[in-house]
Amino acid sequence: RMLLHGGRLADGSRLLSRPSVEAMTTDQLAGASGGPSPDGSQGWGFGVGVVVRRTGPVGTVGSYGWAGGLGSIWSNDPAERLIGMVLSTDAFAGAHALPAAVQDVWTALYAAIPD
């Protein structure tokens, strides 16, 4: 939530500067190969994957997060003001080989966004 609010906590106090959050959540590779997704749709911010090209119904360009292979994944979508998190006790086959149930969670989150 703090990253989604530009570095401010829920009480309004600042934990990180706005430019720090922008640097963390902006693709630092800028078109170089080696991003976290095999199809090139994500780049790397500072510690998070950043969507640079939309490839499906979820995850707008500029959304960011971490798809951990050990059963946890989170994402912030600033354009939709959306935070999503899935915690599981099952290890994923890989960050881009998410189980169908996890993909269904993301689909449901985006489907619930009012127009």
N, C-alpha and C. Protein backbone atom coordinates (compact mmCIF):
# COMPACT_ATOMS: atom_id res chain seq x y z
N ARG A 1 0.84 -1.18 0.00
CA ARG A 1 0.00 0.00 0.00
C ARG A 1 0.88 1.25 0.00
N MET A 2 1.99 1.19 0.74
CA MET A 2 2.89 2.34 0.80
C MET A 2 3.46 2.67 -0.57
N LEU A 3 3.85 1.66 -1.34
CA LEU A 3 4.37 1.91 -2.69
C LEU A 3 3.29 2.49 -3.58
N LEU A 4 2.08 1.96 -3.48
CA LEU A 4 0.97 2.45 -4.29
C LEU A 4 0.63 3.90 -3.97
N HIS A 5 0.92 4.32 -2.73
CA HIS A 5 0.65 5.71 -2.32
C HIS A 5 1.89 6.59 -2.39
N GLY A 6 2.82 6.25 -3.27
CA GLY A 6 3.97 7.11 -3.53
C GLY A 6 4.94 7.25 -2.40
N GLY A 7 5.01 6.26 -1.51
CA GLY A 7 5.97 6.29 -0.41
C GLY A 7 5.40 6.70 0.92
N ARG A 8 4.09 6.94 0.98
CA ARG A 8 3.44 7.35 2.23
C ARG A 8 2.71 6.18 2.88
N LEU A 9 2.75 6.14 4.21
CA LEU A 9 2.03 5.13 4.97
C LEU A 9 0.56 5.52 5.08
N ALA A 10 -0.26 4.64 5.62
CA ALA A 10 -1.70 4.89 5.74
C ALA A 10 -1.98 6.14 6.57
N ASP A 11 -1.13 6.45 7.54
CA ASP A 11 -1.35 7.63 8.37
C ASP A 11 -0.83 8.92 7.72
N GLY A 12 -0.29 8.80 6.50
CA GLY A 12 0.19 9.97 5.77
C GLY A 12 1.66 10.27 5.95
N SER A 13 2.31 9.61 6.89
CA SER A 13 3.73 9.87 7.08
C SER A 13 4.53 9.26 5.93
N ARG A 14 5.61 9.90 5.59
CA ARG A 14 6.42 9.47 4.45
C ARG A 14 7.50 8.50 4.91
N LEU A 15 7.57 7.35 4.21
CA LEU A 15 8.61 6.37 4.47
C LEU A 15 9.69 6.42 3.40
N LEU A 16 9.27 6.58 2.15
CA LEU A 16 10.18 6.71 1.01
C LEU A 16 9.81 7.95 0.22
N SER A 17 10.81 8.55 -0.40
CA SER A 17 10.52 9.71 -1.24
C SER A 17 9.80 9.26 -2.51
N ARG A 18 9.00 10.15 -3.08
CA ARG A 18 8.30 9.85 -4.32
C ARG A 18 9.27 9.44 -5.43
N PRO A 19 10.41 10.17 -5.61
CA PRO A 19 11.35 9.73 -6.64
C PRO A 19 11.94 8.34 -6.39
N SER A 20 12.09 7.95 -5.13
CA SER A 20 12.59 6.61 -4.84
C SER A 20 11.58 5.56 -5.28
N VAL A 21 10.31 5.80 -4.98
CA VAL A 21 9.27 4.86 -5.38
C VAL A 21 9.19 4.79 -6.91
N GLU A 22 9.30 5.93 -7.57
CA GLU A 22 9.26 5.94 -9.03
C GLU A 22 10.42 5.15 -9.61
N ALA A 23 11.60 5.27 -9.04
CA ALA A 23 12.75 4.51 -9.52
C ALA A 23 12.57 3.01 -9.27
N MET A 24 12.01 2.67 -8.12
CA MET A 24 11.79 1.26 -7.79
C MET A 24 10.80 0.61 -8.73
N THR A 25 9.81 1.35 -9.17
CA THR A 25 8.70 0.77 -9.92
C THR A 25 8.73 1.10 -11.42
N THR A 26 9.87 1.54 -11.91
CA THR A 26 10.07 1.84 -13.33
C THR A 26 11.09 0.86 -13.88
N ASP A 27 10.87 0.38 -15.09
CA ASP A 27 11.79 -0.56 -15.73
C ASP A 27 13.17 0.07 -15.85
N GLN A 28 14.15 -0.56 -15.23
CA GLN A 28 15.52 -0.05 -15.27
C GLN A 28 16.33 -0.64 -16.43
N LEU A 29 15.75 -1.64 -17.11
CA LEU A 29 16.45 -2.26 -18.24
C LEU A 29 16.18 -1.55 -19.55
N ALA A 30 15.03 -0.88 -19.63
CA ALA A 30 14.64 -0.09 -20.81
C ALA A 30 14.93 -0.79 -22.13
N GLY A 31 14.31 -1.96 -22.30
CA GLY A 31 14.41 -2.66 -23.58
C GLY A 31 15.55 -3.65 -23.66
N ALA A 32 16.44 -3.67 -22.68
CA ALA A 32 17.52 -4.66 -22.71
C ALA A 32 16.93 -6.05 -22.45
N SER A 33 17.58 -7.06 -22.96
CA SER A 33 17.08 -8.42 -22.72
C SER A 33 17.40 -8.83 -21.29
N GLY A 34 16.67 -9.83 -20.80
CA GLY A 34 16.96 -10.34 -19.47
C GLY A 34 15.95 -9.97 -18.42
N GLY A 35 14.77 -9.50 -18.81
CA GLY A 35 13.73 -9.19 -17.83
C GLY A 35 13.17 -10.46 -17.22
N PRO A 36 12.27 -10.33 -16.27
CA PRO A 36 11.77 -11.50 -15.56
C PRO A 36 10.79 -12.37 -16.34
N SER A 37 10.30 -11.91 -17.49
CA SER A 37 9.35 -12.73 -18.24
C SER A 37 9.96 -13.16 -19.57
N PRO A 38 9.75 -14.41 -19.95
CA PRO A 38 10.33 -14.90 -21.20
C PRO A 38 9.81 -14.18 -22.45
N ASP A 39 8.59 -13.62 -22.39
CA ASP A 39 8.02 -12.97 -23.56
C ASP A 39 8.36 -11.48 -23.66
N GLY A 40 9.15 -10.97 -22.73
CA GLY A 40 9.56 -9.57 -22.77
C GLY A 40 8.52 -8.58 -22.30
N SER A 41 7.44 -9.07 -21.67
CA SER A 41 6.38 -8.17 -21.23
C SER A 41 6.69 -7.51 -19.90
N GLN A 42 7.75 -7.94 -19.23
CA GLN A 42 8.13 -7.32 -17.96
C GLN A 42 9.59 -6.89 -17.99
N GLY A 43 9.85 -5.80 -17.28
CA GLY A 43 11.22 -5.35 -17.07
C GLY A 43 11.50 -5.43 -15.58
N TRP A 44 12.66 -4.96 -15.18
CA TRP A 44 13.03 -4.96 -13.77
C TRP A 44 13.09 -3.54 -13.22
N GLY A 45 12.38 -3.31 -12.13
CA GLY A 45 12.56 -2.10 -11.34
C GLY A 45 13.63 -2.43 -10.31
N PHE A 46 13.65 -1.74 -9.20
CA PHE A 46 14.58 -2.08 -8.12
C PHE A 46 13.88 -3.05 -7.19
N GLY A 47 13.99 -4.35 -7.46
CA GLY A 47 13.42 -5.38 -6.62
C GLY A 47 12.04 -5.84 -7.00
N VAL A 48 11.48 -5.32 -8.08
CA VAL A 48 10.15 -5.73 -8.52
C VAL A 48 10.13 -5.89 -10.03
N GLY A 49 9.26 -6.77 -10.51
CA GLY A 49 9.01 -6.87 -11.94
C GLY A 49 8.03 -5.78 -12.33
N VAL A 50 8.24 -5.16 -13.47
CA VAL A 50 7.39 -4.05 -13.94
C VAL A 50 6.81 -4.43 -15.29
N VAL A 51 5.48 -4.34 -15.43
CA VAL A 51 4.83 -4.66 -16.70
C VAL A 51 5.12 -3.53 -17.68
N VAL A 52 5.75 -3.89 -18.81
CA VAL A 52 6.07 -2.90 -19.84
C VAL A 52 5.24 -3.11 -21.11
N ARG A 53 4.58 -4.28 -21.20
CA ARG A 53 3.71 -4.57 -22.35
C ARG A 53 2.60 -5.50 -21.87
N ARG A 54 1.38 -5.11 -22.12
CA ARG A 54 0.24 -5.91 -21.67
C ARG A 54 0.06 -7.11 -22.60
N THR A 55 -0.08 -8.29 -21.99
CA THR A 55 -0.22 -9.51 -22.78
C THR A 55 -1.51 -10.26 -22.49
N GLY A 56 -2.37 -9.72 -21.65
CA GLY A 56 -3.63 -10.38 -21.33
C GLY A 56 -4.57 -9.43 -20.62
N PRO A 57 -5.62 -9.96 -20.04
CA PRO A 57 -6.62 -9.09 -19.42
C PRO A 57 -6.21 -8.53 -18.06
N VAL A 58 -5.15 -9.03 -17.47
CA VAL A 58 -4.74 -8.54 -16.15
C VAL A 58 -3.36 -7.91 -16.24
N GLY A 59 -3.09 -6.99 -15.33
CA GLY A 59 -1.78 -6.34 -15.27
C GLY A 59 -1.59 -5.27 -16.31
N THR A 60 -2.02 -4.05 -16.00
CA THR A 60 -1.85 -2.95 -16.94
C THR A 60 -0.38 -2.53 -16.98
N VAL A 61 0.00 -1.86 -18.05
CA VAL A 61 1.37 -1.35 -18.17
C VAL A 61 1.63 -0.42 -16.99
N GLY A 62 2.73 -0.62 -16.32
CA GLY A 62 3.07 0.17 -15.14
C GLY A 62 2.78 -0.55 -13.84
N SER A 63 2.04 -1.66 -13.89
CA SER A 63 1.83 -2.42 -12.66
C SER A 63 3.14 -3.14 -12.32
N TYR A 64 3.32 -3.46 -11.06
CA TYR A 64 4.59 -4.03 -10.61
C TYR A 64 4.34 -4.95 -9.43
N GLY A 65 5.30 -5.80 -9.17
CA GLY A 65 5.17 -6.70 -8.04
C GLY A 65 6.22 -7.79 -8.08
N TRP A 66 5.95 -8.84 -7.34
CA TRP A 66 6.89 -9.94 -7.22
C TRP A 66 6.13 -11.25 -7.36
N ALA A 67 6.52 -12.06 -8.33
CA ALA A 67 5.94 -13.39 -8.51
C ALA A 67 6.96 -14.39 -8.00
N GLY A 68 6.91 -14.66 -6.71
CA GLY A 68 7.85 -15.59 -6.11
C GLY A 68 7.52 -17.02 -6.47
N GLY A 69 8.53 -17.84 -6.61
CA GLY A 69 8.32 -19.22 -6.98
C GLY A 69 7.97 -20.13 -5.83
N LEU A 70 7.99 -19.61 -4.61
CA LEU A 70 7.75 -20.46 -3.44
C LEU A 70 6.35 -20.35 -2.89
N GLY A 71 5.41 -19.88 -3.68
CA GLY A 71 4.02 -19.87 -3.26
C GLY A 71 3.46 -18.52 -2.89
N SER A 72 4.20 -17.45 -3.12
CA SER A 72 3.66 -16.12 -2.83
C SER A 72 3.84 -15.22 -4.05
N ILE A 73 2.86 -14.35 -4.23
CA ILE A 73 2.91 -13.41 -5.34
C ILE A 73 2.12 -12.17 -4.92
N TRP A 74 2.61 -10.99 -5.26
CA TRP A 74 1.85 -9.76 -5.01
C TRP A 74 2.06 -8.81 -6.17
N SER A 75 1.11 -7.91 -6.33
CA SER A 75 1.19 -6.94 -7.40
C SER A 75 0.40 -5.69 -7.03
N ASN A 76 0.92 -4.56 -7.45
CA ASN A 76 0.21 -3.28 -7.35
C ASN A 76 -0.07 -2.81 -8.77
N ASP A 77 -1.26 -2.30 -8.99
CA ASP A 77 -1.62 -1.73 -10.28
C ASP A 77 -2.06 -0.29 -10.03
N PRO A 78 -1.13 0.66 -10.20
CA PRO A 78 -1.47 2.07 -9.93
C PRO A 78 -2.61 2.60 -10.80
N ALA A 79 -2.71 2.16 -12.04
CA ALA A 79 -3.76 2.66 -12.93
C ALA A 79 -5.15 2.28 -12.42
N GLU A 80 -5.25 1.11 -11.82
CA GLU A 80 -6.54 0.63 -11.31
C GLU A 80 -6.67 0.80 -9.80
N ARG A 81 -5.62 1.34 -9.16
CA ARG A 81 -5.60 1.50 -7.68
C ARG A 81 -5.88 0.15 -7.01
N LEU A 82 -5.20 -0.89 -7.49
CA LEU A 82 -5.46 -2.25 -7.08
C LEU A 82 -4.22 -2.88 -6.45
N ILE A 83 -4.42 -3.57 -5.34
CA ILE A 83 -3.37 -4.35 -4.69
C ILE A 83 -3.86 -5.79 -4.65
N GLY A 84 -3.03 -6.72 -5.10
CA GLY A 84 -3.40 -8.13 -5.04
C GLY A 84 -2.28 -8.94 -4.43
N MET A 85 -2.64 -9.95 -3.66
CA MET A 85 -1.65 -10.81 -3.03
C MET A 85 -2.22 -12.22 -2.93
N VAL A 86 -1.40 -13.21 -3.24
CA VAL A 86 -1.77 -14.61 -3.08
C VAL A 86 -0.66 -15.27 -2.28
N LEU A 87 -1.03 -15.89 -1.18
CA LEU A 87 -0.08 -16.63 -0.35
C LEU A 87 -0.51 -18.09 -0.34
N SER A 88 0.42 -18.96 -0.64
CA SER A 88 0.12 -20.38 -0.74
C SER A 88 1.20 -21.18 -0.03
N THR A 89 0.87 -22.38 0.34
CA THR A 89 1.88 -23.27 0.94
C THR A 89 2.52 -24.15 -0.12
N ASP A 90 2.10 -24.03 -1.37
CA ASP A 90 2.63 -24.83 -2.46
C ASP A 90 3.61 -24.02 -3.28
N ALA A 91 4.77 -24.60 -3.56
CA ALA A 91 5.74 -23.93 -4.42
C ALA A 91 5.24 -23.94 -5.85
N PHE A 92 5.42 -22.84 -6.56
CA PHE A 92 5.05 -22.76 -7.96
C PHE A 92 6.14 -23.44 -8.79
N ALA A 93 5.79 -23.88 -9.99
CA ALA A 93 6.79 -24.46 -10.89
C ALA A 93 7.76 -23.38 -11.37
N GLY A 94 7.37 -22.14 -11.26
CA GLY A 94 8.20 -21.00 -11.66
C GLY A 94 7.37 -19.74 -11.59
N ALA A 95 8.04 -18.61 -11.67
CA ALA A 95 7.34 -17.33 -11.54
C ALA A 95 6.34 -17.10 -12.67
N HIS A 96 6.55 -17.74 -13.81
CA HIS A 96 5.63 -17.56 -14.94
C HIS A 96 4.89 -18.84 -15.28
N ALA A 97 4.91 -19.78 -14.35
CA ALA A 97 4.13 -21.01 -14.49
C ALA A 97 3.19 -21.10 -13.29
N LEU A 98 2.33 -20.10 -13.16
CA LEU A 98 1.45 -20.02 -12.01
C LEU A 98 0.32 -21.05 -12.12
N PRO A 99 -0.06 -21.65 -11.00
CA PRO A 99 -1.19 -22.58 -11.03
C PRO A 99 -2.47 -21.87 -11.51
N ALA A 100 -3.38 -22.65 -12.07
CA ALA A 100 -4.64 -22.09 -12.59
C ALA A 100 -5.40 -21.34 -11.51
N ALA A 101 -5.38 -21.83 -10.27
CA ALA A 101 -6.10 -21.15 -9.18
C ALA A 101 -5.56 -19.75 -8.95
N VAL A 102 -4.24 -19.56 -9.06
CA VAL A 102 -3.65 -18.24 -8.87
C VAL A 102 -4.04 -17.33 -10.04
N GLN A 103 -4.00 -17.85 -11.25
CA GLN A 103 -4.43 -17.06 -12.40
C GLN A 103 -5.89 -16.66 -12.27
N ASP A 104 -6.70 -17.56 -11.71
CA ASP A 104 -8.13 -17.26 -11.50
C ASP A 104 -8.31 -16.12 -10.49
N VAL A 105 -7.45 -16.05 -9.46
CA VAL A 105 -7.52 -14.96 -8.48
C VAL A 105 -7.30 -13.62 -9.19
N TRP A 106 -6.26 -13.54 -10.02
CA TRP A 106 -5.98 -12.28 -10.73
C TRP A 106 -7.11 -11.93 -11.69
N THR A 107 -7.62 -12.92 -12.39
CA THR A 107 -8.74 -12.67 -13.30
C THR A 107 -9.95 -12.14 -12.54
N ALA A 108 -10.25 -12.74 -11.39
CA ALA A 108 -11.39 -12.29 -10.58
C ALA A 108 -11.18 -10.87 -10.06
N LEU A 109 -9.95 -10.54 -9.64
CA LEU A 109 -9.68 -9.19 -9.16
C LEU A 109 -9.96 -8.15 -10.26
N TYR A 110 -9.45 -8.40 -11.45
CA TYR A 110 -9.64 -7.45 -12.54
C TYR A 110 -11.08 -7.44 -13.02
N ALA A 111 -11.76 -8.59 -12.97
CA ALA A 111 -13.16 -8.65 -13.39
C ALA A 111 -14.06 -7.86 -12.44
N ALA A 112 -13.64 -7.69 -11.19
CA ALA A 112 -14.44 -6.99 -10.19
C ALA A 112 -14.27 -5.47 -10.24
N ILE A 113 -13.37 -4.98 -11.09
CA ILE A 113 -13.16 -3.53 -11.19
C ILE A 113 -14.38 -2.89 -11.85
N PRO A 114 -15.01 -1.94 -11.16
CA PRO A 114 -16.17 -1.28 -11.78
C PRO A 114 -15.72 -0.36 -12.92
N ASP A 115 -16.55 -0.25 -13.93
CA ASP A 115 -16.22 0.64 -15.07
C ASP A 115 -16.51 2.07 -14.71
